[in-house]
Amino acid sequence: MSQQEEMTAMQQRIDELAQRVGHLEQAVDQLWGSGRTRPGSRPKEPSRPELVTIPDTPYDNALWTDSDDEGLGARDRHAP
């Protein structure tokens, strides 16, 4: 078999392989066609939440009236 004949035969095998892969992809798409993600495929990027800007201005001290110091109990009592 000449080198040209070998190259032609190899190209035919590559073309056949590509055709079979195409058929396989179609079969997989039909199997997973109901909107499900195929195994091994990348999931869709999750949408990023909308960013909320928090102002640098201090909070009103009245918000903290009658609050306990976390882990220390009420202000008018001492810790054990």
C-alpha atoms as a PDB file:
ATOM      1  CA  MET A   1       0.000   0.000   0.000  1.00  0.00           C
ATOM      2  CA  SER A   2       1.454   3.351  -0.999  1.00  0.00           C
ATOM      3  CA  GLN A   3       1.731   6.319   1.302  1.00  0.00           C
ATOM      4  CA  GLN A   4      -1.030   8.122  -0.625  1.00  0.00           C
ATOM      5  CA  GLU A   5      -3.378   5.139  -0.182  1.00  0.00           C
ATOM      6  CA  GLU A   6      -2.575   5.010   3.544  1.00  0.00           C
ATOM      7  CA  MET A   7      -3.339   8.727   3.886  1.00  0.00           C
ATOM      8  CA  THR A   8      -6.638   8.297   2.036  1.00  0.00           C
ATOM      9  CA  ALA A   9      -7.625   5.337   4.226  1.00  0.00           C
ATOM     10  CA  MET A  10      -6.694   7.264   7.376  1.00  0.00           C
ATOM     11  CA  GLN A  11      -8.749  10.275   6.255  1.00  0.00           C
ATOM     12  CA  GLN A  12     -11.741   7.998   5.613  1.00  0.00           C
ATOM     13  CA  ARG A  13     -11.424   6.539   9.132  1.00  0.00           C
ATOM     14  CA  ILE A  14     -11.222  10.044  10.629  1.00  0.00           C
ATOM     15  CA  ASP A  15     -14.309  11.095   8.677  1.00  0.00           C
ATOM     16  CA  GLU A  16     -16.172   7.974   9.854  1.00  0.00           C
ATOM     17  CA  LEU A  17     -15.143   8.651  13.453  1.00  0.00           C
ATOM     18  CA  ALA A  18     -16.339  12.258  13.232  1.00  0.00           C
ATOM     19  CA  GLN A  19     -19.676  11.056  11.807  1.00  0.00           C
ATOM     20  CA  ARG A  20     -20.108   8.516  14.628  1.00  0.00           C
ATOM     21  CA  VAL A  21     -19.272  11.144  17.254  1.00  0.00           C
ATOM     22  CA  GLY A  22     -21.925  13.395  15.696  1.00  0.00           C
ATOM     23  CA  HIS A  23     -24.503  10.593  15.927  1.00  0.00           C
ATOM     24  CA  LEU A  24     -23.499   9.944  19.521  1.00  0.00           C
ATOM     25  CA  GLU A  25     -23.875  13.638  20.410  1.00  0.00           C
ATOM     26  CA  GLN A  26     -27.345  13.667  18.860  1.00  0.00           C
ATOM     27  CA  ALA A  27     -28.335  10.591  20.868  1.00  0.00           C
ATOM     28  CA  VAL A  28     -27.057  12.161  24.086  1.00  0.00           C
ATOM     29  CA  ASP A  29     -28.914  15.409  23.315  1.00  0.00           C
ATOM     30  CA  GLN A  30     -32.139  13.445  22.815  1.00  0.00           C
ATOM     31  CA  LEU A  31     -31.569  11.532  26.034  1.00  0.00           C
ATOM     32  CA  TRP A  32     -30.826  14.678  28.049  1.00  0.00           C
ATOM     33  CA  GLY A  33     -32.996  16.968  25.959  1.00  0.00           C
ATOM     34  CA  SER A  34     -35.532  17.956  28.618  1.00  0.00           C
ATOM     35  CA  GLY A  35     -33.438  20.903  29.801  1.00  0.00           C
ATOM     36  CA  ARG A  36     -31.263  18.847  32.105  1.00  0.00           C
ATOM     37  CA  THR A  37     -27.528  19.428  32.244  1.00  0.00           C
ATOM     38  CA  ARG A  38     -25.471  16.702  30.657  1.00  0.00           C
ATOM     39  CA  PRO A  39     -22.890  14.972  32.832  1.00  0.00           C
ATOM     40  CA  GLY A  40     -19.500  16.550  32.343  1.00  0.00           C
ATOM     41  CA  SER A  41     -20.910  19.761  30.926  1.00  0.00           C
ATOM     42  CA  ARG A  42     -20.387  23.055  32.659  1.00  0.00           C
ATOM     43  CA  PRO A  43     -23.388  24.340  34.602  1.00  0.00           C
ATOM     44  CA  LYS A  44     -24.692  27.804  33.869  1.00  0.00           C
ATOM     45  CA  GLU A  45     -22.985  30.621  35.697  1.00  0.00           C
ATOM     46  CA  PRO A  46     -25.032  31.647  38.726  1.00  0.00           C
ATOM     47  CA  SER A  47     -26.353  35.163  38.503  1.00  0.00           C
ATOM     48  CA  ARG A  48     -24.549  37.609  40.729  1.00  0.00           C
ATOM     49  CA  PRO A  49     -26.633  39.245  43.430  1.00  0.00           C
ATOM     50  CA  GLU A  50     -27.252  42.944  43.176  1.00  0.00           C
ATOM     51  CA  LEU A  51     -24.724  44.891  45.240  1.00  0.00           C
ATOM     52  CA  VAL A  52     -26.045  47.085  48.035  1.00  0.00           C
ATOM     53  CA  THR A  53     -24.047  50.133  49.072  1.00  0.00           C
ATOM     54  CA  ILE A  54     -23.727  50.580  52.837  1.00  0.00           C
ATOM     55  CA  PRO A  55     -23.144  54.195  53.846  1.00  0.00           C
ATOM     56  CA  ASP A  56     -20.155  55.167  55.986  1.00  0.00           C
ATOM     57  CA  THR A  57     -22.234  57.451  58.197  1.00  0.00           C
ATOM     58  CA  PRO A  58     -22.491  56.309  61.823  1.00  0.00           C
ATOM     59  CA  TYR A  59     -25.668  54.695  63.099  1.00  0.00           C
ATOM     60  CA  ASP A  60     -27.985  56.536  65.456  1.00  0.00           C
ATOM     61  CA  ASN A  61     -26.960  55.702  69.061  1.00  0.00           C
ATOM     62  CA  ALA A  62     -30.638  55.308  69.969  1.00  0.00           C
ATOM     63  CA  LEU A  63     -30.555  51.995  68.102  1.00  0.00           C
ATOM     64  CA  TRP A  64     -28.334  50.544  70.824  1.00  0.00           C
ATOM     65  CA  THR A  65     -30.362  51.700  73.830  1.00  0.00           C
ATOM     66  CA  ASP A  66     -31.250  48.826  76.196  1.00  0.00           C
ATOM     67  CA  SER A  67     -29.091  46.374  74.287  1.00  0.00           C
ATOM     68  CA  ASP A  68     -26.925  43.769  75.974  1.00  0.00           C
ATOM     69  CA  ASP A  69     -23.211  43.520  75.371  1.00  0.00           C
ATOM     70  CA  GLU A  70     -22.915  40.226  73.578  1.00  0.00           C
ATOM     71  CA  GLY A  71     -21.364  37.610  75.833  1.00  0.00           C
ATOM     72  CA  LEU A  72     -21.257  39.942  78.848  1.00  0.00           C
ATOM     73  CA  GLY A  73     -24.924  40.105  79.790  1.00  0.00           C
ATOM     74  CA  ALA A  74     -26.906  43.190  80.689  1.00  0.00           C
ATOM     75  CA  ARG A  75     -25.112  46.441  81.507  1.00  0.00           C
ATOM     76  CA  ASP A  76     -26.500  46.701  85.025  1.00  0.00           C
ATOM     77  CA  ARG A  77     -25.255  43.228  86.021  1.00  0.00           C
ATOM     78  CA  HIS A  78     -21.792  41.796  86.256  1.00  0.00           C
ATOM     79  CA  ALA A  79     -20.463  38.735  84.468  1.00  0.00           C
ATOM     80  CA  PRO A  80     -20.024  35.564  86.560  1.00  0.00           C
END
